[in-house]
PDB file of all heavy atoms in Angstrom:
ATOM      1  N   LEU A   1       5.064  13.428  -0.747  1.00  0.00           N
ATOM      2  CA  LEU A   1       5.195  13.837  -2.136  1.00  0.00           C
ATOM      3  C   LEU A   1       4.142  14.702  -2.654  1.00  0.00           C
ATOM      4  O   LEU A   1       4.395  15.706  -3.258  1.00  0.00           O
ATOM      5  CB  LEU A   1       4.964  12.528  -3.030  1.00  0.00           C
ATOM      6  CG  LEU A   1       6.177  11.451  -2.991  1.00  0.00           C
ATOM      7  CD1 LEU A   1       5.799  10.219  -3.809  1.00  0.00           C
ATOM      8  CD2 LEU A   1       7.533  12.095  -3.530  1.00  0.00           C
ATOM      9  N   ALA A   2       2.926  14.512  -2.273  1.00  0.00           N
ATOM     10  CA  ALA A   2       1.725  15.580  -2.635  1.00  0.00           C
ATOM     11  C   ALA A   2       2.073  16.803  -2.124  1.00  0.00           C
ATOM     12  O   ALA A   2       1.768  17.775  -2.807  1.00  0.00           O
ATOM     13  CB  ALA A   2       0.385  14.827  -2.274  1.00  0.00           C
ATOM     14  N   ALA A   3       2.412  16.949  -0.851  1.00  0.00           N
ATOM     15  CA  ALA A   3       2.793  18.229  -0.338  1.00  0.00           C
ATOM     16  C   ALA A   3       3.820  18.941  -1.000  1.00  0.00           C
ATOM     17  O   ALA A   3       3.958  20.167  -1.017  1.00  0.00           O
ATOM     18  CB  ALA A   3       3.040  18.029   1.235  1.00  0.00           C
ATOM     19  N   ALA A   4       4.795  18.138  -1.612  1.00  0.00           N
ATOM     20  CA  ALA A   4       5.838  18.763  -2.377  1.00  0.00           C
ATOM     21  C   ALA A   4       5.459  19.100  -3.845  1.00  0.00           C
ATOM     22  O   ALA A   4       6.344  19.698  -4.553  1.00  0.00           O
ATOM     23  CB  ALA A   4       6.983  17.935  -2.418  1.00  0.00           C
ATOM     24  N   GLY A   5       4.216  18.954  -4.129  1.00  0.00           N
ATOM     25  CA  GLY A   5       3.775  19.351  -5.545  1.00  0.00           C
ATOM     26  C   GLY A   5       3.743  18.110  -6.554  1.00  0.00           C
ATOM     27  O   GLY A   5       3.522  18.452  -7.707  1.00  0.00           O
ATOM     28  N   VAL A   6       3.934  16.946  -5.996  1.00  0.00           N
ATOM     29  CA  VAL A   6       3.876  15.721  -7.007  1.00  0.00           C
ATOM     30  C   VAL A   6       2.456  15.386  -7.163  1.00  0.00           C
ATOM     31  O   VAL A   6       1.624  15.132  -6.223  1.00  0.00           O
ATOM     32  CB  VAL A   6       4.727  14.562  -6.485  1.00  0.00           C
ATOM     33  CG1 VAL A   6       4.537  13.422  -7.280  1.00  0.00           C
ATOM     34  CG2 VAL A   6       6.116  15.032  -6.373  1.00  0.00           C
ATOM     35  N   GLU A   7       2.002  15.248  -8.430  1.00  0.00           N
ATOM     36  CA  GLU A   7       0.672  14.680  -8.704  1.00  0.00           C
ATOM     37  C   GLU A   7       0.605  13.278  -8.471  1.00  0.00           C
ATOM     38  O   GLU A   7       1.643  12.479  -8.792  1.00  0.00           O
ATOM     39  CB  GLU A   7       0.315  14.917 -10.117  1.00  0.00           C
ATOM     40  CG  GLU A   7      -0.989  14.469 -10.682  1.00  0.00           C
ATOM     41  CD  GLU A   7      -1.190  14.640 -12.161  1.00  0.00           C
ATOM     42  OE1 GLU A   7      -0.335  15.248 -12.708  1.00  0.00           O
ATOM     43  OE2 GLU A   7      -2.264  14.055 -12.613  1.00  0.00           O
ATOM     44  N   LEU A   8      -0.526  12.726  -7.886  1.00  0.00           N
ATOM     45  CA  LEU A   8      -0.521  11.260  -7.605  1.00  0.00           C
ATOM     46  C   LEU A   8      -1.563  10.503  -8.511  1.00  0.00           C
ATOM     47  O   LEU A   8      -2.628  11.049  -8.779  1.00  0.00           O
ATOM     48  CB  LEU A   8      -1.096  11.050  -6.115  1.00  0.00           C
ATOM     49  CG  LEU A   8      -0.334  11.763  -5.048  1.00  0.00           C
ATOM     50  CD1 LEU A   8      -0.928  11.462  -3.661  1.00  0.00           C
ATOM     51  CD2 LEU A   8       1.170  11.317  -4.952  1.00  0.00           C
ATOM     52  N   ALA A   9      -1.091   9.406  -8.980  1.00  0.00           N
ATOM     53  CA  ALA A   9      -1.982   8.560  -9.794  1.00  0.00           C
ATOM     54  C   ALA A   9      -1.962   7.136  -9.118  1.00  0.00           C
ATOM     55  O   ALA A   9      -0.879   6.457  -8.918  1.00  0.00           O
ATOM     56  CB  ALA A   9      -1.451   8.408 -11.213  1.00  0.00           C
ATOM     57  N   VAL A  10      -3.161   6.700  -8.591  1.00  0.00           N
ATOM     58  CA  VAL A  10      -3.236   5.479  -7.793  1.00  0.00           C
ATOM     59  C   VAL A  10      -3.338   4.354  -8.867  1.00  0.00           C
ATOM     60  O   VAL A  10      -4.049   4.250  -9.878  1.00  0.00           O
ATOM     61  CB  VAL A  10      -4.541   5.454  -7.060  1.00  0.00           C
ATOM     62  CG1 VAL A  10      -4.644   4.144  -6.167  1.00  0.00           C
ATOM     63  CG2 VAL A  10      -4.471   6.610  -5.969  1.00  0.00           C
ATOM     64  N   GLY A  11      -2.374   3.251  -8.566  1.00  0.00           N
ATOM     65  CA  GLY A  11      -2.396   2.084  -9.376  1.00  0.00           C
ATOM     66  C   GLY A  11      -1.123   1.271  -9.054  1.00  0.00           C
ATOM     67  O   GLY A  11      -0.296   1.662  -8.096  1.00  0.00           O
ATOM     68  N   ASP A  12      -0.846   0.319  -9.887  1.00  0.00           N
ATOM     69  CA  ASP A  12       0.373  -0.484  -9.711  1.00  0.00           C
ATOM     70  C   ASP A  12       0.700  -1.237 -10.978  1.00  0.00           C
ATOM     71  O   ASP A  12       0.004  -1.335 -11.873  1.00  0.00           O
ATOM     72  CB  ASP A  12       0.218  -1.330  -8.450  1.00  0.00           C
ATOM     73  CG  ASP A  12      -0.783  -2.443  -8.497  1.00  0.00           C
ATOM     74  OD1 ASP A  12      -0.722  -3.254  -9.489  1.00  0.00           O
ATOM     75  OD2 ASP A  12      -1.752  -2.387  -7.862  1.00  0.00           O
ATOM     76  N   LEU A  13       1.955  -1.813 -10.968  1.00  0.00           N
ATOM     77  CA  LEU A  13       2.516  -2.503 -12.019  1.00  0.00           C
ATOM     78  C   LEU A  13       1.693  -3.821 -12.350  1.00  0.00           C
ATOM     79  O   LEU A  13       2.030  -4.415 -13.346  1.00  0.00           O
ATOM     80  CB  LEU A  13       3.948  -2.820 -11.845  1.00  0.00           C
ATOM     81  CG  LEU A  13       4.856  -1.487 -11.873  1.00  0.00           C
ATOM     82  CD1 LEU A  13       6.317  -1.889 -11.409  1.00  0.00           C
ATOM     83  CD2 LEU A  13       4.894  -0.869 -13.175  1.00  0.00           C
ATOM     84  N   ASP A  14       0.788  -4.268 -11.542  1.00  0.00           N
ATOM     85  CA  ASP A  14       0.058  -5.578 -11.651  1.00  0.00           C
ATOM     86  C   ASP A  14      -1.393  -5.122 -12.317  1.00  0.00           C
ATOM     87  O   ASP A  14      -2.069  -6.039 -12.586  1.00  0.00           O
ATOM     88  CB  ASP A  14      -0.177  -6.205 -10.474  1.00  0.00           C
ATOM     89  CG  ASP A  14       1.231  -6.853  -9.915  1.00  0.00           C
ATOM     90  OD1 ASP A  14       2.050  -7.120 -10.702  1.00  0.00           O
ATOM     91  OD2 ASP A  14       1.415  -6.784  -8.652  1.00  0.00           O
ATOM     92  N   ASP A  15      -1.667  -3.890 -12.509  1.00  0.00           N
ATOM     93  CA  ASP A  15      -2.930  -3.422 -13.087  1.00  0.00           C
ATOM     94  C   ASP A  15      -2.759  -2.703 -14.371  1.00  0.00           C
ATOM     95  O   ASP A  15      -2.428  -1.452 -14.335  1.00  0.00           O
ATOM     96  CB  ASP A  15      -3.573  -2.645 -11.982  1.00  0.00           C
ATOM     97  CG  ASP A  15      -4.983  -2.159 -12.388  1.00  0.00           C
ATOM     98  OD1 ASP A  15      -5.289  -2.343 -13.543  1.00  0.00           O
ATOM     99  OD2 ASP A  15      -5.694  -1.572 -11.647  1.00  0.00           O
ATOM    100  N   PRO A  16      -2.640  -3.250 -15.502  1.00  0.00           N
ATOM    101  CA  PRO A  16      -2.444  -2.624 -16.687  1.00  0.00           C
ATOM    102  C   PRO A  16      -3.327  -1.479 -16.969  1.00  0.00           C
ATOM    103  O   PRO A  16      -2.904  -0.335 -17.571  1.00  0.00           O
ATOM    104  CB  PRO A  16      -2.688  -3.673 -17.857  1.00  0.00           C
ATOM    105  CG  PRO A  16      -2.492  -4.974 -17.193  1.00  0.00           C
ATOM    106  CD  PRO A  16      -3.030  -4.714 -15.822  1.00  0.00           C
ATOM    107  N   ASP A  17      -4.681  -1.529 -16.620  1.00  0.00           N
ATOM    108  CA  ASP A  17      -5.616  -0.382 -16.825  1.00  0.00           C
ATOM    109  C   ASP A  17      -5.109   0.834 -16.057  1.00  0.00           C
ATOM    110  O   ASP A  17      -5.112   1.925 -16.465  1.00  0.00           O
ATOM    111  CB  ASP A  17      -7.024  -0.788 -16.423  1.00  0.00           C
ATOM    112  CG  ASP A  17      -7.670  -1.879 -17.397  1.00  0.00           C
ATOM    113  OD1 ASP A  17      -7.133  -1.881 -18.424  1.00  0.00           O
ATOM    114  OD2 ASP A  17      -8.572  -2.352 -16.825  1.00  0.00           O
ATOM    115  N   SER A  18      -4.635   0.720 -14.716  1.00  0.00           N
ATOM    116  CA  SER A  18      -4.232   1.805 -13.970  1.00  0.00           C
ATOM    117  C   SER A  18      -2.839   2.454 -14.579  1.00  0.00           C
ATOM    118  O   SER A  18      -2.697   3.499 -14.506  1.00  0.00           O
ATOM    119  CB  SER A  18      -3.948   1.394 -12.505  1.00  0.00           C
ATOM    120  OG  SER A  18      -2.731   0.472 -12.319  1.00  0.00           O
ATOM    121  N   LEU A  19      -2.075   1.558 -15.146  1.00  0.00           N
ATOM    122  CA  LEU A  19      -0.809   1.988 -15.859  1.00  0.00           C
ATOM    123  C   LEU A  19      -1.229   2.905 -16.946  1.00  0.00           C
ATOM    124  O   LEU A  19      -0.639   4.086 -17.044  1.00  0.00           O
ATOM    125  CB  LEU A  19      -0.010   0.925 -16.266  1.00  0.00           C
ATOM    126  CG  LEU A  19       0.985   0.133 -15.173  1.00  0.00           C
ATOM    127  CD1 LEU A  19       1.544  -1.014 -15.761  1.00  0.00           C
ATOM    128  CD2 LEU A  19       1.830   1.165 -14.460  1.00  0.00           C
ATOM    129  N   GLU A  20      -2.107   2.452 -17.777  1.00  0.00           N
ATOM    130  CA  GLU A  20      -2.425   3.213 -18.923  1.00  0.00           C
ATOM    131  C   GLU A  20      -3.172   4.470 -18.582  1.00  0.00           C
ATOM    132  O   GLU A  20      -2.825   5.507 -19.230  1.00  0.00           O
ATOM    133  CB  GLU A  20      -3.393   2.391 -19.836  1.00  0.00           C
ATOM    134  CG  GLU A  20      -2.726   1.252 -20.514  1.00  0.00           C
ATOM    135  CD  GLU A  20      -3.559   0.506 -21.505  1.00  0.00           C
ATOM    136  OE1 GLU A  20      -4.612   0.971 -21.859  1.00  0.00           O
ATOM    137  OE2 GLU A  20      -3.150  -0.617 -21.997  1.00  0.00           O
ATOM    138  N   ALA A  21      -4.005   4.557 -17.592  1.00  0.00           N
ATOM    139  CA  ALA A  21      -4.639   5.785 -17.159  1.00  0.00           C
ATOM    140  C   ALA A  21      -3.597   6.745 -16.635  1.00  0.00           C
ATOM    141  O   ALA A  21      -3.632   7.948 -16.808  1.00  0.00           O
ATOM    142  CB  ALA A  21      -5.667   5.451 -16.054  1.00  0.00           C
ATOM    143  N   ALA A  22      -2.626   6.147 -15.831  1.00  0.00           N
ATOM    144  CA  ALA A  22      -1.596   6.976 -15.206  1.00  0.00           C
ATOM    145  C   ALA A  22      -0.703   7.685 -16.395  1.00  0.00           C
ATOM    146  O   ALA A  22      -0.228   8.838 -16.121  1.00  0.00           O
ATOM    147  CB  ALA A  22      -0.694   6.261 -14.328  1.00  0.00           C
ATOM    148  N   ALA A  23      -0.551   7.008 -17.450  1.00  0.00           N
ATOM    149  CA  ALA A  23       0.442   7.485 -18.480  1.00  0.00           C
ATOM    150  C   ALA A  23      -0.277   8.430 -19.461  1.00  0.00           C
ATOM    151  O   ALA A  23       0.338   8.969 -20.275  1.00  0.00           O
ATOM    152  CB  ALA A  23       1.007   6.288 -19.236  1.00  0.00           C
ATOM    153  N   VAL A  24      -1.593   8.616 -19.342  1.00  0.00           N
ATOM    154  CA  VAL A  24      -2.260   9.501 -20.353  1.00  0.00           C
ATOM    155  C   VAL A  24      -1.653  11.002 -20.217  1.00  0.00           C
ATOM    156  O   VAL A  24      -1.637  11.602 -19.043  1.00  0.00           O
ATOM    157  CB  VAL A  24      -3.813   9.519 -19.988  1.00  0.00           C
ATOM    158  CG1 VAL A  24      -4.446  10.605 -20.872  1.00  0.00           C
ATOM    159  CG2 VAL A  24      -4.400   8.233 -20.427  1.00  0.00           C
ATOM    160  N   GLY A  25      -1.321  11.438 -21.367  1.00  0.00           N
ATOM    161  CA  GLY A  25      -0.879  12.887 -21.293  1.00  0.00           C
ATOM    162  C   GLY A  25       0.517  13.172 -20.855  1.00  0.00           C
ATOM    163  O   GLY A  25       0.914  14.352 -20.842  1.00  0.00           O
ATOM    164  N   VAL A  26       1.335  12.179 -20.548  1.00  0.00           N
ATOM    165  CA  VAL A  26       2.657  12.455 -20.052  1.00  0.00           C
ATOM    166  C   VAL A  26       3.685  12.529 -21.135  1.00  0.00           C
ATOM    167  O   VAL A  26       3.488  11.915 -22.162  1.00  0.00           O
ATOM    168  CB  VAL A  26       3.127  11.512 -18.978  1.00  0.00           C
ATOM    169  CG1 VAL A  26       2.155  11.381 -17.817  1.00  0.00           C
ATOM    170  CG2 VAL A  26       3.451  10.051 -19.571  1.00  0.00           C
ATOM    171  N   HIS A  27       4.697  13.307 -20.915  1.00  0.00           N
ATOM    172  CA  HIS A  27       5.815  13.468 -21.961  1.00  0.00           C
ATOM    173  C   HIS A  27       6.658  12.270 -21.927  1.00  0.00           C
ATOM    174  O   HIS A  27       7.113  11.673 -22.893  1.00  0.00           O
ATOM    175  CB  HIS A  27       6.550  14.722 -21.568  1.00  0.00           C
ATOM    176  CG  HIS A  27       7.845  14.957 -22.434  1.00  0.00           C
ATOM    177  ND1 HIS A  27       7.912  15.464 -23.647  1.00  0.00           N
ATOM    178  CD2 HIS A  27       9.157  14.517 -22.118  1.00  0.00           C
ATOM    179  CE1 HIS A  27       9.096  15.480 -24.189  1.00  0.00           C
ATOM    180  NE2 HIS A  27       9.890  14.911 -23.234  1.00  0.00           N
ATOM    181  N   GLY A  28       6.975  11.740 -20.645  1.00  0.00           N
ATOM    182  CA  GLY A  28       7.974  10.688 -20.607  1.00  0.00           C
ATOM    183  C   GLY A  28       7.545   9.757 -19.229  1.00  0.00           C
ATOM    184  O   GLY A  28       6.721  10.219 -18.476  1.00  0.00           O
ATOM    185  N   ILE A  29       8.166   8.659 -19.188  1.00  0.00           N
ATOM    186  CA  ILE A  29       8.113   7.830 -18.027  1.00  0.00           C
ATOM    187  C   ILE A  29       9.370   7.383 -17.516  1.00  0.00           C
ATOM    188  O   ILE A  29      10.357   6.969 -18.353  1.00  0.00           O
ATOM    189  CB  ILE A  29       7.165   6.497 -18.446  1.00  0.00           C
ATOM    190  CG1 ILE A  29       5.728   6.857 -18.726  1.00  0.00           C
ATOM    191  CG2 ILE A  29       7.259   5.502 -17.222  1.00  0.00           C
ATOM    192  CD1 ILE A  29       4.976   5.773 -19.181  1.00  0.00           C
ATOM    193  N   PHE A  30       9.595   7.358 -16.151  1.00  0.00           N
ATOM    194  CA  PHE A  30      10.792   6.737 -15.616  1.00  0.00           C
ATOM    195  C   PHE A  30      10.282   5.424 -14.938  1.00  0.00           C
ATOM    196  O   PHE A  30       9.450   5.328 -14.160  1.00  0.00           O
ATOM    197  CB  PHE A  30      11.303   7.695 -14.440  1.00  0.00           C
ATOM    198  CG  PHE A  30      12.437   6.943 -13.682  1.00  0.00           C
ATOM    199  CD1 PHE A  30      13.720   6.883 -14.184  1.00  0.00           C
ATOM    200  CD2 PHE A  30      12.219   6.403 -12.438  1.00  0.00           C
ATOM    201  CE1 PHE A  30      14.648   6.131 -13.529  1.00  0.00           C
ATOM    202  CE2 PHE A  30      13.167   5.738 -11.731  1.00  0.00           C
ATOM    203  CZ  PHE A  30      14.386   5.567 -12.273  1.00  0.00           C
ATOM    204  N   GLY A  31      10.956   4.371 -15.476  1.00  0.00           N
ATOM    205  CA  GLY A  31      10.375   3.018 -15.022  1.00  0.00           C
ATOM    206  C   GLY A  31      11.509   2.306 -14.294  1.00  0.00           C
ATOM    207  O   GLY A  31      12.702   2.465 -14.591  1.00  0.00           O
ATOM    208  N   VAL A  32      11.030   1.735 -13.159  1.00  0.00           N
ATOM    209  CA  VAL A  32      11.897   0.775 -12.433  1.00  0.00           C
ATOM    210  C   VAL A  32      11.069  -0.266 -11.898  1.00  0.00           C
ATOM    211  O   VAL A  32       9.866  -0.015 -11.410  1.00  0.00           O
ATOM    212  CB  VAL A  32      12.661   1.544 -11.298  1.00  0.00           C
ATOM    213  CG1 VAL A  32      11.555   2.235 -10.267  1.00  0.00           C
ATOM    214  CG2 VAL A  32      13.570   0.632 -10.551  1.00  0.00           C
ATOM    215  N   THR A  33      11.500  -1.565 -11.935  1.00  0.00           N
ATOM    216  CA  THR A  33      10.758  -2.680 -11.356  1.00  0.00           C
ATOM    217  C   THR A  33      11.312  -3.169 -10.049  1.00  0.00           C
ATOM    218  O   THR A  33      12.603  -3.229 -10.027  1.00  0.00           O
ATOM    219  CB  THR A  33      10.788  -3.853 -12.480  1.00  0.00           C
ATOM    220  OG1 THR A  33      12.049  -4.079 -12.776  1.00  0.00           O
ATOM    221  CG2 THR A  33       9.942  -3.419 -13.731  1.00  0.00           C
ATOM    222  N   PRO A  34      10.592  -3.520  -9.138  1.00  0.00           N
ATOM    223  CA  PRO A  34      10.994  -3.935  -7.896  1.00  0.00           C
ATOM    224  C   PRO A  34      11.689  -5.240  -8.006  1.00  0.00           C
ATOM    225  O   PRO A  34      11.225  -6.108  -8.606  1.00  0.00           O
ATOM    226  CB  PRO A  34       9.803  -4.034  -6.920  1.00  0.00           C
ATOM    227  CG  PRO A  34       8.619  -4.095  -7.802  1.00  0.00           C
ATOM    228  CD  PRO A  34       9.081  -3.360  -9.142  1.00  0.00           C
ATOM    229  N   ASP A  35      12.810  -5.362  -7.264  1.00  0.00           N
ATOM    230  CA  ASP A  35      13.573  -6.754  -7.304  1.00  0.00           C
ATOM    231  C   ASP A  35      12.810  -7.632  -6.351  1.00  0.00           C
ATOM    232  O   ASP A  35      11.997  -7.219  -5.390  1.00  0.00           O
ATOM    233  CB  ASP A  35      15.010  -6.567  -6.724  1.00  0.00           C
ATOM    234  CG  ASP A  35      15.864  -5.685  -7.619  1.00  0.00           C
ATOM    235  OD1 ASP A  35      15.567  -5.711  -8.897  1.00  0.00           O
ATOM    236  OD2 ASP A  35      16.721  -5.051  -7.111  1.00  0.00           O
ATOM    237  N   GLY A  36      12.952  -8.932  -6.649  1.00  0.00           N
ATOM    238  CA  GLY A  36      12.278  -9.912  -5.842  1.00  0.00           C
ATOM    239  C   GLY A  36      12.657 -11.350  -6.090  1.00  0.00           C
ATOM    240  O   GLY A  36      13.381 -11.521  -7.168  1.00  0.00           O
ATOM    241  N   GLN A  37      12.107 -12.173  -5.475  1.00  0.00           N
ATOM    242  CA  GLN A  37      12.464 -13.705  -5.786  1.00  0.00           C
ATOM    243  C   GLN A  37      11.600 -14.039  -7.015  1.00  0.00           C
ATOM    244  O   GLN A  37      12.106 -14.955  -7.718  1.00  0.00           O
ATOM    245  CB  GLN A  37      11.964 -14.509  -4.573  1.00  0.00           C
ATOM    246  CG  GLN A  37      12.734 -14.301  -3.382  1.00  0.00           C
ATOM    247  CD  GLN A  37      14.183 -14.521  -3.455  1.00  0.00           C
ATOM    248  OE1 GLN A  37      14.604 -15.554  -4.031  1.00  0.00           O
ATOM    249  NE2 GLN A  37      15.090 -13.606  -2.953  1.00  0.00           N
ATOM    250  N   ASP A  38      10.486 -13.565  -7.359  1.00  0.00           N
ATOM    251  CA  ASP A  38       9.709 -13.962  -8.509  1.00  0.00           C
ATOM    252  C   ASP A  38      10.182 -13.111  -9.676  1.00  0.00           C
ATOM    253  O   ASP A  38       9.618 -12.070  -9.999  1.00  0.00           O
ATOM    254  CB  ASP A  38       8.295 -13.698  -8.300  1.00  0.00           C
ATOM    255  CG  ASP A  38       7.328 -14.453  -9.304  1.00  0.00           C
ATOM    256  OD1 ASP A  38       7.780 -14.654 -10.419  1.00  0.00           O
ATOM    257  OD2 ASP A  38       6.113 -14.677  -8.987  1.00  0.00           O
TER     258      ASP A  38
END
């Protein structure tokens, strides 16, 4: 992804601080949540 020109933001959906940091300055968000038993 990085080689194709995608900017990387390290974090995950279980870390609210990383989500907020990744969302700073963006126009929009595409959201999808992984399916699972829980």
